[in-house]
Amino acid sequence: MNLNGSLPSLPTLITLMKDKNSTFLEGRFRFSELEQHLGRTNTSIGFASEDYTGIVRKIQYDTNTNSFIGFCTPLENGIPSEQHFKTDSFDQLKEWFSNIEKAPLLNIHMFQPLAQSMKNCSPVILAAYGTDSKFTAVDIFRRWIHIYEQCSAKQIRIIGFSTGTMVLVY
């Protein structure tokens, strides 16, 4: 099932991130933050969604994590490799700039809680990472299984998954 409009626009995502004073690490799923948010909204059910949006190709240095953001994040069994581009080596950085594509897309995972009162029931950004969208249907299913299992372990019930139009590589 596709839910049109289930992902907010990029400006809305940026506002959500700033308003929550949340720490985001490229490729890290934020299940603890989701659990806390659902506790405040008094619900434990919702929809998970995944989609990507075009971004300006650029590499940025994150001083908090000593890592570089903006390369295409590699997947391990469909799951993004958390903080993959972390280094103290200038030679390593040169190699990445020479051999790794700058991400043309940002893949975003969201969770939309469902509650009796939807008034204060804002969506939660689960994860975000750079991609070139070269992944398989199996990668997507593995991510969904990972999200489902991690949420189940925290007593969070996902009642549906949604994804945008994605070009799959076979």
C-alpha atoms as a PDB file:
ATOM      1  CA  MET A   1       0.000   0.000   0.000  1.00  0.00           C
ATOM      2  CA  ASN A   2       1.305   3.449  -0.861  1.00  0.00           C
ATOM      3  CA  LEU A   3       0.229   6.393   1.235  1.00  0.00           C
ATOM      4  CA  ASN A   4       0.675   9.546  -0.805  1.00  0.00           C
ATOM      5  CA  GLY A   5       1.973  12.363   1.340  1.00  0.00           C
ATOM      6  CA  SER A   6       3.048  10.020   4.139  1.00  0.00           C
ATOM      7  CA  LEU A   7       6.481  11.643   4.188  1.00  0.00           C
ATOM      8  CA  PRO A   8       6.744  15.338   4.972  1.00  0.00           C
ATOM      9  CA  SER A   9       8.564  17.710   2.651  1.00  0.00           C
ATOM     10  CA  LEU A  10      12.294  18.343   3.118  1.00  0.00           C
ATOM     11  CA  PRO A  11      11.742  21.772   4.780  1.00  0.00           C
ATOM     12  CA  THR A  12       9.305  20.109   7.214  1.00  0.00           C
ATOM     13  CA  LEU A  13      11.887  17.417   7.992  1.00  0.00           C
ATOM     14  CA  ILE A  14      14.511  20.056   8.759  1.00  0.00           C
ATOM     15  CA  THR A  15      12.059  21.860  11.052  1.00  0.00           C
ATOM     16  CA  LEU A  16      11.205  18.596  12.837  1.00  0.00           C
ATOM     17  CA  MET A  17      14.905  17.916  13.428  1.00  0.00           C
ATOM     18  CA  LYS A  18      15.592  21.408  14.771  1.00  0.00           C
ATOM     19  CA  ASP A  19      12.481  21.488  16.976  1.00  0.00           C
ATOM     20  CA  LYS A  20      13.334  18.229  18.693  1.00  0.00           C
ATOM     21  CA  ASN A  21      16.996  19.119  19.330  1.00  0.00           C
ATOM     22  CA  SER A  22      17.698  15.584  18.216  1.00  0.00           C
ATOM     23  CA  THR A  23      21.048  14.116  17.419  1.00  0.00           C
ATOM     24  CA  PHE A  24      21.136  12.443  14.039  1.00  0.00           C
ATOM     25  CA  LEU A  25      23.877  10.116  12.910  1.00  0.00           C
ATOM     26  CA  GLU A  26      23.873   9.170   9.252  1.00  0.00           C
ATOM     27  CA  GLY A  27      22.530   5.636   8.880  1.00  0.00           C
ATOM     28  CA  ARG A  28      21.554   5.223  12.554  1.00  0.00           C
ATOM     29  CA  PHE A  29      17.996   4.177  13.302  1.00  0.00           C
ATOM     30  CA  ARG A  30      16.557   6.118  16.242  1.00  0.00           C
ATOM     31  CA  PHE A  31      14.402   3.464  17.938  1.00  0.00           C
ATOM     32  CA  SER A  32      14.959   4.790  21.487  1.00  0.00           C
ATOM     33  CA  GLU A  33      13.861   8.267  20.401  1.00  0.00           C
ATOM     34  CA  LEU A  34      10.781   6.719  18.762  1.00  0.00           C
ATOM     35  CA  GLU A  35       9.955   4.861  21.978  1.00  0.00           C
ATOM     36  CA  GLN A  36      10.240   8.089  24.015  1.00  0.00           C
ATOM     37  CA  HIS A  37       8.078  10.011  21.542  1.00  0.00           C
ATOM     38  CA  LEU A  38       5.371   7.342  21.592  1.00  0.00           C
ATOM     39  CA  GLY A  39       5.414   7.394  25.400  1.00  0.00           C
ATOM     40  CA  ARG A  40       4.648  11.130  25.302  1.00  0.00           C
ATOM     41  CA  THR A  41       1.824  10.647  22.786  1.00  0.00           C
ATOM     42  CA  ASN A  42       0.368   7.670  24.684  1.00  0.00           C
ATOM     43  CA  THR A  43       0.325   5.287  21.735  1.00  0.00           C
ATOM     44  CA  SER A  44       2.356   2.350  20.519  1.00  0.00           C
ATOM     45  CA  ILE A  45       1.056   1.840  16.978  1.00  0.00           C
ATOM     46  CA  GLY A  46       1.683   3.484  13.640  1.00  0.00           C
ATOM     47  CA  PHE A  47       2.876   3.307  10.054  1.00  0.00           C
ATOM     48  CA  ALA A  48       6.490   3.100   8.894  1.00  0.00           C
ATOM     49  CA  SER A  49       7.467   4.725   5.617  1.00  0.00           C
ATOM     50  CA  GLU A  50      10.553   5.028   3.445  1.00  0.00           C
ATOM     51  CA  ASP A  51      11.224   7.356   0.563  1.00  0.00           C
ATOM     52  CA  TYR A  52      14.019   9.408  -0.894  1.00  0.00           C
ATOM     53  CA  THR A  53      14.389  12.973  -2.077  1.00  0.00           C
ATOM     54  CA  GLY A  54      16.945  14.698  -4.279  1.00  0.00           C
ATOM     55  CA  ILE A  55      19.710  16.656  -2.552  1.00  0.00           C
ATOM     56  CA  VAL A  56      22.667  18.792  -3.563  1.00  0.00           C
ATOM     57  CA  ARG A  57      25.723  16.555  -3.860  1.00  0.00           C
ATOM     58  CA  LYS A  58      28.196  17.755  -1.256  1.00  0.00           C
ATOM     59  CA  ILE A  59      30.319  16.331   1.516  1.00  0.00           C
ATOM     60  CA  GLN A  60      30.204  17.840   4.988  1.00  0.00           C
ATOM     61  CA  TYR A  61      32.360  17.173   8.016  1.00  0.00           C
ATOM     62  CA  ASP A  62      30.555  16.445  11.282  1.00  0.00           C
ATOM     63  CA  THR A  63      32.778  17.676  14.114  1.00  0.00           C
ATOM     64  CA  ASN A  64      30.705  15.855  16.748  1.00  0.00           C
ATOM     65  CA  THR A  65      31.329  12.417  15.241  1.00  0.00           C
ATOM     66  CA  ASN A  66      34.557  13.016  13.281  1.00  0.00           C
ATOM     67  CA  SER A  67      32.828  11.644  10.205  1.00  0.00           C
ATOM     68  CA  PHE A  68      32.005  12.788   6.692  1.00  0.00           C
ATOM     69  CA  ILE A  69      28.407  13.005   5.540  1.00  0.00           C
ATOM     70  CA  GLY A  70      27.192  13.034   1.963  1.00  0.00           C
ATOM     71  CA  PHE A  71      28.718   9.950   0.397  1.00  0.00           C
ATOM     72  CA  CYS A  72      26.489   7.053  -0.679  1.00  0.00           C
ATOM     73  CA  THR A  73      26.103   5.044   2.520  1.00  0.00           C
ATOM     74  CA  PRO A  74      26.870   1.352   1.961  1.00  0.00           C
ATOM     75  CA  LEU A  75      24.274  -1.224   2.952  1.00  0.00           C
ATOM     76  CA  GLU A  76      24.972  -4.357   4.973  1.00  0.00           C
ATOM     77  CA  ASN A  77      22.113  -6.829   4.433  1.00  0.00           C
ATOM     78  CA  GLY A  78      19.934  -3.887   3.412  1.00  0.00           C
ATOM     79  CA  ILE A  79      20.755  -1.888   6.564  1.00  0.00           C
ATOM     80  CA  PRO A  80      22.774   1.343   6.214  1.00  0.00           C
ATOM     81  CA  SER A  81      26.258   1.186   7.689  1.00  0.00           C
ATOM     82  CA  GLU A  82      26.214   3.626  10.601  1.00  0.00           C
ATOM     83  CA  GLN A  83      28.903   6.344  10.489  1.00  0.00           C
ATOM     84  CA  HIS A  84      30.722   4.455   7.736  1.00  0.00           C
ATOM     85  CA  PHE A  85      32.789   7.456   6.653  1.00  0.00           C
ATOM     86  CA  LYS A  86      34.611   8.123   9.923  1.00  0.00           C
ATOM     87  CA  THR A  87      38.370   8.589   9.718  1.00  0.00           C
ATOM     88  CA  ASP A  88      41.406  10.449  11.011  1.00  0.00           C
ATOM     89  CA  SER A  89      43.351   9.630   7.851  1.00  0.00           C
ATOM     90  CA  PHE A  90      43.713  12.199   5.090  1.00  0.00           C
ATOM     91  CA  ASP A  91      44.717   9.397   2.684  1.00  0.00           C
ATOM     92  CA  GLN A  92      41.484   7.547   3.482  1.00  0.00           C
ATOM     93  CA  LEU A  93      39.496  10.712   2.825  1.00  0.00           C
ATOM     94  CA  LYS A  94      41.271  11.220  -0.528  1.00  0.00           C
ATOM     95  CA  GLU A  95      40.433   7.625  -1.465  1.00  0.00           C
ATOM     96  CA  TRP A  96      36.766   8.165  -0.640  1.00  0.00           C
ATOM     97  CA  PHE A  97      36.616  11.344  -2.732  1.00  0.00           C
ATOM     98  CA  SER A  98      38.227   9.454  -5.624  1.00  0.00           C
ATOM     99  CA  ASN A  99      36.191   6.243  -5.433  1.00  0.00           C
ATOM    100  CA  ILE A 100      32.897   6.834  -3.624  1.00  0.00           C
ATOM    101  CA  GLU A 101      29.981   8.612  -5.261  1.00  0.00           C
ATOM    102  CA  LYS A 102      28.532  11.675  -3.583  1.00  0.00           C
ATOM    103  CA  ALA A 103      24.934  10.867  -2.717  1.00  0.00           C
ATOM    104  CA  PRO A 104      22.390  12.410  -5.096  1.00  0.00           C
ATOM    105  CA  LEU A 105      19.527  11.323  -2.818  1.00  0.00           C
ATOM    106  CA  LEU A 106      18.607  11.288   0.857  1.00  0.00           C
ATOM    107  CA  ASN A 107      16.774   8.135   1.955  1.00  0.00           C
ATOM    108  CA  ILE A 108      14.442   8.864   4.855  1.00  0.00           C
ATOM    109  CA  HIS A 109      12.620   6.480   7.192  1.00  0.00           C
ATOM    110  CA  MET A 110       9.652   7.872   9.129  1.00  0.00           C
ATOM    111  CA  PHE A 111       7.175   6.566  11.688  1.00  0.00           C
ATOM    112  CA  GLN A 112       3.694   8.113  11.848  1.00  0.00           C
ATOM    113  CA  PRO A 113       2.054   7.313  15.189  1.00  0.00           C
ATOM    114  CA  LEU A 114      -1.674   6.674  15.313  1.00  0.00           C
ATOM    115  CA  ALA A 115      -3.529   7.835  18.414  1.00  0.00           C
ATOM    116  CA  GLN A 116      -7.062   8.732  19.435  1.00  0.00           C
ATOM    117  CA  SER A 117      -6.026  12.365  19.479  1.00  0.00           C
ATOM    118  CA  MET A 118      -3.896  13.103  16.431  1.00  0.00           C
ATOM    119  CA  LYS A 119      -3.445  16.697  17.649  1.00  0.00           C
ATOM    120  CA  ASN A 120       0.036  16.164  19.137  1.00  0.00           C
ATOM    121  CA  CYS A 121       0.920  13.085  17.126  1.00  0.00           C
ATOM    122  CA  SER A 122       3.787  14.287  14.941  1.00  0.00           C
ATOM    123  CA  PRO A 123       5.838  11.901  12.787  1.00  0.00           C
ATOM    124  CA  VAL A 124       9.264  10.722  13.900  1.00  0.00           C
ATOM    125  CA  ILE A 125      12.325  10.533  11.688  1.00  0.00           C
ATOM    126  CA  LEU A 126      13.744   7.047  12.240  1.00  0.00           C
ATOM    127  CA  ALA A 127      16.796   7.365  10.000  1.00  0.00           C
ATOM    128  CA  ALA A 128      18.294   9.311   7.123  1.00  0.00           C
ATOM    129  CA  TYR A 129      21.292   8.574   4.925  1.00  0.00           C
ATOM    130  CA  GLY A 130      22.765   9.360   1.529  1.00  0.00           C
ATOM    131  CA  THR A 131      22.041   6.946  -1.295  1.00  0.00           C
ATOM    132  CA  ASP A 132      22.209   6.487  -5.031  1.00  0.00           C
ATOM    133  CA  SER A 133      19.060   4.298  -4.848  1.00  0.00           C
ATOM    134  CA  LYS A 134      20.973   1.295  -6.173  1.00  0.00           C
ATOM    135  CA  PHE A 135      19.512  -1.370  -3.947  1.00  0.00           C
ATOM    136  CA  THR A 136      17.315  -4.407  -4.430  1.00  0.00           C
ATOM    137  CA  ALA A 137      13.810  -5.314  -3.311  1.00  0.00           C
ATOM    138  CA  VAL A 138      15.479  -7.759  -0.913  1.00  0.00           C
ATOM    139  CA  ASP A 139      17.397  -4.823   0.646  1.00  0.00           C
ATOM    140  CA  ILE A 140      14.105  -3.008   1.250  1.00  0.00           C
ATOM    141  CA  PHE A 141      12.487  -6.088   2.794  1.00  0.00           C
ATOM    142  CA  ARG A 142      15.518  -6.606   5.040  1.00  0.00           C
ATOM    143  CA  ARG A 143      15.257  -3.001   6.229  1.00  0.00           C
ATOM    144  CA  TRP A 144      11.551  -3.424   6.900  1.00  0.00           C
ATOM    145  CA  ILE A 145      12.188  -6.646   8.838  1.00  0.00           C
ATOM    146  CA  HIS A 146      14.917  -4.880  10.831  1.00  0.00           C
ATOM    147  CA  ILE A 147      12.574  -1.976  11.618  1.00  0.00           C
ATOM    148  CA  TYR A 148       9.739  -4.365  12.522  1.00  0.00           C
ATOM    149  CA  GLU A 149      11.940  -6.479  14.821  1.00  0.00           C
ATOM    150  CA  GLN A 150      13.487  -3.470  16.586  1.00  0.00           C
ATOM    151  CA  CYS A 151      10.067  -1.894  17.105  1.00  0.00           C
ATOM    152  CA  SER A 152       8.565  -5.175  18.330  1.00  0.00           C
ATOM    153  CA  ALA A 153      11.358  -5.472  20.900  1.00  0.00           C
ATOM    154  CA  LYS A 154      10.208  -2.081  22.267  1.00  0.00           C
ATOM    155  CA  GLN A 155       6.498  -3.055  22.192  1.00  0.00           C
ATOM    156  CA  ILE A 156       5.866  -0.761  19.208  1.00  0.00           C
ATOM    157  CA  ARG A 157       3.415  -2.155  16.682  1.00  0.00           C
ATOM    158  CA  ILE A 158       3.781  -1.327  13.002  1.00  0.00           C
ATOM    159  CA  ILE A 159       0.471  -1.766  11.214  1.00  0.00           C
ATOM    160  CA  GLY A 160       1.756  -0.954   7.740  1.00  0.00           C
ATOM    161  CA  PHE A 161       4.747  -0.041   5.632  1.00  0.00           C
ATOM    162  CA  SER A 162       4.817   2.424   2.778  1.00  0.00           C
ATOM    163  CA  THR A 163       7.499   3.261   0.272  1.00  0.00           C
ATOM    164  CA  GLY A 164       7.728   5.792  -2.503  1.00  0.00           C
ATOM    165  CA  THR A 165       8.591   5.045  -6.092  1.00  0.00           C
ATOM    166  CA  MET A 166      11.997   3.414  -6.116  1.00  0.00           C
ATOM    167  CA  VAL A 167      14.033   2.069  -8.998  1.00  0.00           C
ATOM    168  CA  LEU A 168      15.213  -1.391  -8.041  1.00  0.00           C
ATOM    169  CA  VAL A 169      18.422  -2.992  -9.271  1.00  0.00           C
ATOM    170  CA  TYR A 170      18.239  -6.678 -10.144  1.00  0.00           C
END
